[in-house]
């Protein structure tokens, strides 16, 4: 056994998963006739999953995302950092 610590970085995969999940949730809300942005913001602010439709498994998908990590990711993207 060696005496060093390995690094494991899943940042790229997590970013893609977050983007894919948000895209799918957005589409499901659009298809059901909701204002997708308002509904997602409502979910982010309250963490109440009822803001998200069950259609196309969107509610289950959005609950896979940690709200704090999602906010951090959105800020990083918006600020370009």
C-alpha atoms as a PDB file:
ATOM      1  CA  UNK A   1       0.000   0.000   0.000  1.00  0.00           C
ATOM      2  CA  UNK A   2       1.406   3.403  -0.878  1.00  0.00           C
ATOM      3  CA  UNK A   3       1.465   6.464   1.340  1.00  0.00           C
ATOM      4  CA  UNK A   4      -0.061   9.073  -0.963  1.00  0.00           C
ATOM      5  CA  UNK A   5      -3.538  10.448  -1.480  1.00  0.00           C
ATOM      6  CA  UNK A   6      -5.181  10.151  -4.852  1.00  0.00           C
ATOM      7  CA  UNK A   7      -7.336  12.953  -6.157  1.00  0.00           C
ATOM      8  CA  UNK A   8     -10.685  12.285  -7.680  1.00  0.00           C
ATOM      9  CA  UNK A   9     -12.442  15.034  -9.618  1.00  0.00           C
ATOM     10  CA  UNK A  10     -15.945  14.639 -11.020  1.00  0.00           C
ATOM     11  CA  UNK A  11     -16.583  18.315 -11.708  1.00  0.00           C
ATOM     12  CA  UNK A  12     -17.084  17.954 -15.455  1.00  0.00           C
ATOM     13  CA  UNK A  13     -19.528  15.070 -15.069  1.00  0.00           C
ATOM     14  CA  UNK A  14     -21.481  16.890 -12.349  1.00  0.00           C
ATOM     15  CA  UNK A  15     -21.724  20.020 -14.494  1.00  0.00           C
ATOM     16  CA  UNK A  16     -23.096  17.972 -17.354  1.00  0.00           C
ATOM     17  CA  UNK A  17     -25.526  16.154 -15.089  1.00  0.00           C
ATOM     18  CA  UNK A  18     -26.765  19.451 -13.678  1.00  0.00           C
ATOM     19  CA  UNK A  19     -27.204  20.922 -17.142  1.00  0.00           C
ATOM     20  CA  UNK A  20     -28.930  17.801 -18.448  1.00  0.00           C
ATOM     21  CA  UNK A  21     -31.300  17.667 -15.490  1.00  0.00           C
ATOM     22  CA  UNK A  22     -32.191  21.362 -15.689  1.00  0.00           C
ATOM     23  CA  UNK A  23     -32.754  21.051 -19.440  1.00  0.00           C
ATOM     24  CA  UNK A  24     -35.074  18.075 -19.022  1.00  0.00           C
ATOM     25  CA  UNK A  25     -37.006  19.749 -16.205  1.00  0.00           C
ATOM     26  CA  UNK A  26     -37.292  22.960 -18.256  1.00  0.00           C
ATOM     27  CA  UNK A  27     -38.647  21.033 -21.261  1.00  0.00           C
ATOM     28  CA  UNK A  28     -41.149  19.113 -19.170  1.00  0.00           C
ATOM     29  CA  UNK A  29     -42.482  22.332 -17.657  1.00  0.00           C
ATOM     30  CA  UNK A  30     -42.669  23.978 -21.100  1.00  0.00           C
ATOM     31  CA  UNK A  31     -44.561  21.006 -22.544  1.00  0.00           C
ATOM     32  CA  UNK A  32     -47.095  21.225 -19.720  1.00  0.00           C
ATOM     33  CA  UNK A  33     -47.603  24.938 -20.375  1.00  0.00           C
ATOM     34  CA  UNK A  34     -45.872  26.354 -17.297  1.00  0.00           C
ATOM     35  CA  UNK A  35     -43.494  29.306 -17.189  1.00  0.00           C
ATOM     36  CA  UNK A  36     -40.435  27.104 -16.737  1.00  0.00           C
ATOM     37  CA  UNK A  37     -38.122  29.769 -15.358  1.00  0.00           C
ATOM     38  CA  UNK A  38     -40.620  30.898 -12.710  1.00  0.00           C
ATOM     39  CA  UNK A  39     -41.320  27.322 -11.642  1.00  0.00           C
ATOM     40  CA  UNK A  40     -37.634  26.418 -11.342  1.00  0.00           C
ATOM     41  CA  UNK A  41     -36.916  29.618  -9.399  1.00  0.00           C
ATOM     42  CA  UNK A  42     -39.818  28.780  -7.076  1.00  0.00           C
ATOM     43  CA  UNK A  43     -38.298  25.362  -6.488  1.00  0.00           C
ATOM     44  CA  UNK A  44     -34.802  26.758  -5.876  1.00  0.00           C
ATOM     45  CA  UNK A  45     -36.046  29.359  -3.387  1.00  0.00           C
ATOM     46  CA  UNK A  46     -38.339  27.044  -1.449  1.00  0.00           C
ATOM     47  CA  UNK A  47     -37.036  23.535  -2.218  1.00  0.00           C
ATOM     48  CA  UNK A  48     -40.700  22.601  -2.524  1.00  0.00           C
ATOM     49  CA  UNK A  49     -40.877  19.929  -5.242  1.00  0.00           C
ATOM     50  CA  UNK A  50     -44.504  20.743  -6.051  1.00  0.00           C
ATOM     51  CA  UNK A  51     -43.246  23.643  -8.175  1.00  0.00           C
ATOM     52  CA  UNK A  52     -42.047  20.984 -10.618  1.00  0.00           C
ATOM     53  CA  UNK A  53     -44.376  18.790 -12.639  1.00  0.00           C
ATOM     54  CA  UNK A  54     -44.271  15.001 -12.399  1.00  0.00           C
ATOM     55  CA  UNK A  55     -44.494  14.906 -16.194  1.00  0.00           C
ATOM     56  CA  UNK A  56     -41.550  13.053 -17.789  1.00  0.00           C
ATOM     57  CA  UNK A  57     -40.167  12.332 -14.311  1.00  0.00           C
ATOM     58  CA  UNK A  58     -39.124  15.998 -13.924  1.00  0.00           C
ATOM     59  CA  UNK A  59     -39.828  16.179 -10.184  1.00  0.00           C
ATOM     60  CA  UNK A  60     -37.679  13.137  -9.483  1.00  0.00           C
ATOM     61  CA  UNK A  61     -34.883  14.538 -11.651  1.00  0.00           C
ATOM     62  CA  UNK A  62     -34.777  17.970  -9.987  1.00  0.00           C
ATOM     63  CA  UNK A  63     -34.617  16.363  -6.543  1.00  0.00           C
ATOM     64  CA  UNK A  64     -31.316  14.722  -7.542  1.00  0.00           C
ATOM     65  CA  UNK A  65     -29.701  18.168  -7.457  1.00  0.00           C
ATOM     66  CA  UNK A  66     -28.506  19.693  -4.208  1.00  0.00           C
ATOM     67  CA  UNK A  67     -30.023  23.166  -3.999  1.00  0.00           C
ATOM     68  CA  UNK A  68     -26.890  24.819  -2.579  1.00  0.00           C
ATOM     69  CA  UNK A  69     -24.673  23.239  -5.239  1.00  0.00           C
ATOM     70  CA  UNK A  70     -27.159  24.279  -7.908  1.00  0.00           C
ATOM     71  CA  UNK A  71     -27.050  27.912  -6.731  1.00  0.00           C
ATOM     72  CA  UNK A  72     -23.250  27.834  -6.691  1.00  0.00           C
ATOM     73  CA  UNK A  73     -23.167  26.426 -10.207  1.00  0.00           C
ATOM     74  CA  UNK A  74     -25.609  29.039 -11.489  1.00  0.00           C
ATOM     75  CA  UNK A  75     -23.558  31.854  -9.957  1.00  0.00           C
ATOM     76  CA  UNK A  76     -20.316  30.477 -11.401  1.00  0.00           C
ATOM     77  CA  UNK A  77     -21.894  30.262 -14.846  1.00  0.00           C
ATOM     78  CA  UNK A  78     -23.440  33.731 -14.633  1.00  0.00           C
ATOM     79  CA  UNK A  79     -20.226  35.337 -13.399  1.00  0.00           C
ATOM     80  CA  UNK A  80     -18.025  33.357 -15.772  1.00  0.00           C
ATOM     81  CA  UNK A  81     -15.758  32.004 -13.033  1.00  0.00           C
END
